[in-house]
Amino acid sequence: MRGILLVSFAVLSLCAPGCGGAAEIGEKCDQSGSRDECVDGAICTNGTSGSFCRKVCAAQTDCSATEACNGVSGSSEKSCQPE
């Protein structure tokens, strides 16, 4: 029984970093223009320091005062990007 628990723990430990689901807004992602990597309402957006999940926007009013609603490479969508 103890062996089964140890194996289960080991499998869960290995899976946790890569099996955690979609990235939250502000977290790193890999493919700019993809919504698959990010939580609902966010899109992977490239920037000067890599790609991050950003909130999808249709107009500037959807973003905070420190962000701009700009186009996302690899898609026809826009996201709230730091100015």
Foldseek 3Di string as FASTA:
>chain_A
DVVVVVVVVVVCVVCCVPVVAADEFPAADADWPDPRRHDPQWTWAADPVHTGTFGWDDAQVVEDPQWGFDDGPPHRTTGTHGD
